[in-house]
Amino acid sequence: MADRPIRGLPDKDVEDLLRRLETLLDRLERATGPVAELAAQAMEGLALMYGTALARVVARAADDAPDLVPSLVDDELLHHLLALHGLHPQSARERVLRALEEIGPRLRSHGGDVELIEVKDEVARVRWSAAGCGSTSAAIGQMIRDAVLGAAPELRVETVNASGSTRPPTLIPVESLLRGPTSRVNGDPR
């Protein structure tokens, strides 16, 4: 029997919608006044309602069709929604491992690697290595944090690069950006 088509938006449209929603929610968070407060409360209420409905679907699936639960987890959108609402049947550690496995090929293609050290006390500690300059390292660190938080939003993320530093090196030291102009050699203003 052929798979039934999935109803709703195709994955590409979901990705576009999520980006648009993220932008709108960022704008809403910065807005002030009574209308902004009402809009934020409405969004929180909607999220709670949809989370409750999703919890009921997962509970019924687990009770009546346990084989359905893994297929729910395999759907990328449902995977993230289940994690966001604290309903994911997999442990935070399993979800973080899955997220790191998914970004592993991209990191390795740039000479990097990533591994989970531990998940403890609501913190995921992740070790990574990368070849390249500080800006590449910073981007890799951010990619790792985004992947872990997308899989386990209930966790905080601590990234440790292979050298043991808890922060990737920067391309330009911050101190040099805060320093005033230095005197020119031989008075040359260039």
Protein backbone atom coordinates (compact mmCIF):
# COMPACT_ATOMS: atom_id res chain seq x y z
CA MET A 1 0.00 0.00 0.00
CA ALA A 2 1.34 3.43 -0.92
CA ASP A 3 2.09 5.98 1.80
CA ARG A 4 -0.67 8.47 2.35
CA PRO A 5 0.23 12.00 1.36
CA ILE A 6 0.96 14.30 4.28
CA ARG A 7 -1.50 17.14 4.53
CA GLY A 8 -0.49 20.68 5.22
CA LEU A 9 2.41 22.70 3.93
CA PRO A 10 5.36 21.07 2.18
CA ASP A 11 8.62 21.12 4.18
CA LYS A 12 10.06 24.01 2.14
CA ASP A 13 7.01 26.15 2.88
CA VAL A 14 7.21 25.20 6.57
CA GLU A 15 10.83 26.37 6.66
CA ASP A 16 9.86 29.68 5.04
CA LEU A 17 6.95 30.10 7.45
CA LEU A 18 9.16 29.36 10.47
CA ARG A 19 11.68 32.01 9.37
CA ARG A 20 8.84 34.52 8.89
CA LEU A 21 7.33 33.65 12.28
CA GLU A 22 10.72 34.02 13.96
CA THR A 23 11.06 37.51 12.49
CA LEU A 24 7.54 38.45 13.57
CA LEU A 25 8.06 37.09 17.08
CA ASP A 26 11.33 39.02 17.40
CA ARG A 27 9.50 42.19 16.40
CA LEU A 28 6.70 41.41 18.85
CA GLU A 29 9.19 40.93 21.69
CA ARG A 30 10.63 44.40 21.03
CA ALA A 31 7.21 46.07 20.76
CA THR A 32 5.83 47.98 23.72
CA GLY A 33 2.41 49.09 24.84
CA PRO A 34 -0.90 47.44 25.62
CA VAL A 35 -1.48 46.04 22.11
CA ALA A 36 1.95 44.38 22.12
CA GLU A 37 1.22 42.90 25.55
CA LEU A 38 -2.14 41.54 24.34
CA ALA A 39 -0.50 40.06 21.23
CA ALA A 40 2.18 38.36 23.34
CA GLN A 41 -0.45 36.92 25.67
CA ALA A 42 -2.46 35.67 22.69
CA MET A 43 0.64 33.97 21.24
CA GLU A 44 1.41 32.33 24.58
CA GLY A 45 -2.19 31.11 24.82
CA LEU A 46 -2.11 29.69 21.29
CA ALA A 47 1.20 27.94 21.94
CA LEU A 48 -0.21 26.42 25.15
CA MET A 49 -3.37 25.29 23.38
CA TYR A 50 -1.49 23.68 20.47
CA GLY A 51 0.99 22.12 22.88
CA THR A 52 -1.87 20.61 24.87
CA ALA A 53 -3.48 19.25 21.69
CA LEU A 54 -0.16 17.78 20.58
CA ALA A 55 0.27 16.17 24.03
CA ARG A 56 -3.11 14.49 23.61
CA VAL A 57 -2.17 13.18 20.16
CA VAL A 58 1.10 11.75 21.47
CA ALA A 59 -0.60 10.18 24.50
CA ARG A 60 -3.26 8.54 22.33
CA ALA A 61 -0.66 7.36 19.86
CA ALA A 62 1.43 5.87 22.66
CA ASP A 63 -1.62 4.09 24.10
CA ASP A 64 -3.42 3.01 20.92
CA ALA A 65 -0.70 2.82 18.27
CA PRO A 66 2.77 2.70 19.87
CA ASP A 67 4.35 2.01 16.49
CA LEU A 68 3.17 5.47 15.38
CA VAL A 69 5.29 7.35 17.92
CA PRO A 70 8.66 6.72 16.18
CA SER A 71 7.20 7.97 12.88
CA LEU A 72 6.05 11.15 14.64
CA VAL A 73 9.60 11.65 15.93
CA ASP A 74 11.03 11.07 12.45
CA ASP A 75 9.01 13.98 11.02
CA GLU A 76 11.31 17.01 11.31
CA LEU A 77 8.56 19.51 12.20
CA LEU A 78 6.93 17.21 14.75
CA HIS A 79 10.35 16.35 16.20
CA HIS A 80 10.96 20.04 16.98
CA LEU A 81 7.43 20.71 18.22
CA LEU A 82 7.53 17.70 20.54
CA ALA A 83 10.83 18.95 21.98
CA LEU A 84 9.57 22.53 22.28
CA HIS A 85 6.51 21.44 24.25
CA GLY A 86 8.43 18.98 26.46
CA LEU A 87 6.63 16.00 24.90
CA HIS A 88 9.45 14.31 23.06
CA PRO A 89 9.62 10.59 23.86
CA GLN A 90 13.41 10.56 23.47
CA SER A 91 15.71 11.81 26.24
CA ALA A 92 17.49 15.12 25.85
CA ARG A 93 20.74 13.19 25.42
CA GLU A 94 19.29 11.14 22.53
CA ARG A 95 17.98 14.29 20.84
CA VAL A 96 21.30 16.11 21.21
CA LEU A 97 23.18 13.13 19.80
CA ARG A 98 20.78 13.10 16.82
CA ALA A 99 21.30 16.83 16.23
CA LEU A 100 25.09 16.50 16.39
CA GLU A 101 24.97 13.52 14.04
CA GLU A 102 22.97 15.61 11.56
CA ILE A 103 25.47 18.50 11.52
CA GLY A 104 28.53 16.22 11.66
CA PRO A 105 28.96 15.85 7.87
CA ARG A 106 28.91 19.65 7.40
CA LEU A 107 31.53 20.11 10.10
CA ARG A 108 33.74 17.29 8.76
CA SER A 109 33.59 18.76 5.25
CA HIS A 110 35.27 21.86 6.72
CA GLY A 111 37.84 19.91 8.71
CA GLY A 112 35.88 20.01 11.97
CA ASP A 113 34.25 17.54 14.29
CA VAL A 114 31.85 17.55 17.23
CA GLU A 115 31.07 15.24 20.14
CA LEU A 116 28.75 15.30 23.12
CA ILE A 117 30.67 15.31 26.40
CA GLU A 118 27.63 15.08 28.68
CA VAL A 119 24.11 16.21 29.43
CA LYS A 120 23.90 17.01 33.12
CA ASP A 121 21.96 19.47 35.26
CA GLU A 122 20.10 20.85 32.21
CA VAL A 123 23.38 21.65 30.42
CA ALA A 124 24.68 19.99 27.26
CA ARG A 125 28.48 20.13 27.12
CA VAL A 126 29.74 19.74 23.58
CA ARG A 127 33.37 19.51 22.41
CA TRP A 128 34.21 20.58 18.89
CA SER A 129 37.21 21.20 16.70
CA ALA A 130 37.56 23.21 13.54
CA ALA A 131 40.14 24.19 11.01
CA GLY A 132 40.14 27.78 9.89
CA CYS A 133 40.10 31.29 11.22
CA GLY A 134 38.30 32.64 14.27
CA SER A 135 35.25 33.75 12.32
CA THR A 136 34.81 30.21 10.99
CA SER A 137 35.18 28.86 14.52
CA ALA A 138 32.60 31.31 15.82
CA ALA A 139 30.16 30.28 13.08
CA ILE A 140 30.73 26.60 13.87
CA GLY A 141 30.18 27.21 17.58
CA GLN A 142 26.93 29.00 16.79
CA MET A 143 25.81 26.23 14.42
CA ILE A 144 26.39 23.69 17.20
CA ARG A 145 24.48 25.76 19.76
CA ASP A 146 21.57 26.24 17.33
CA ALA A 147 21.42 22.51 16.54
CA VAL A 148 21.47 21.50 20.21
CA LEU A 149 18.84 24.06 21.24
CA GLY A 150 16.65 23.08 18.30
CA ALA A 151 16.73 19.46 19.50
CA ALA A 152 16.57 20.14 23.24
CA PRO A 153 15.30 23.66 23.96
CA GLU A 154 15.08 22.86 27.67
CA LEU A 155 18.89 22.72 27.90
CA ARG A 156 21.61 25.32 28.09
CA VAL A 157 24.60 24.69 25.83
CA GLU A 158 28.25 24.92 26.76
CA THR A 159 30.60 24.52 23.83
CA VAL A 160 34.23 23.63 24.43
CA ASN A 161 36.64 23.72 21.54
CA ALA A 162 39.25 20.97 21.29
CA SER A 163 41.90 23.23 22.83
CA GLY A 164 39.80 23.35 26.02
CA SER A 165 38.58 26.92 25.62
CA THR A 166 34.90 27.39 26.35
CA ARG A 167 34.70 30.07 23.69
CA PRO A 168 36.01 29.93 20.14
CA PRO A 169 38.85 32.33 19.40
CA THR A 170 37.88 35.61 17.80
CA LEU A 171 39.40 36.96 14.62
CA ILE A 172 39.95 40.45 16.06
CA PRO A 173 40.43 40.82 19.81
CA VAL A 174 37.56 42.81 21.33
CA GLU A 175 40.04 44.95 23.27
CA SER A 176 41.49 46.29 20.02
CA LEU A 177 38.04 47.43 18.91
CA LEU A 178 37.53 49.37 22.14
CA ARG A 179 40.94 51.04 22.08
CA GLY A 180 41.22 54.57 20.74
CA PRO A 181 43.31 55.34 17.66
CA THR A 182 47.04 54.77 18.13
CA SER A 183 49.71 57.25 17.15
CA ARG A 184 50.96 56.96 13.60
CA VAL A 185 54.51 55.94 12.82
CA ASN A 186 56.62 59.01 11.91
CA GLY A 187 53.49 61.16 12.05
CA ASP A 188 52.14 59.54 8.87
CA PRO A 189 48.29 59.79 9.10
CA ARG A 190 47.76 56.73 6.87
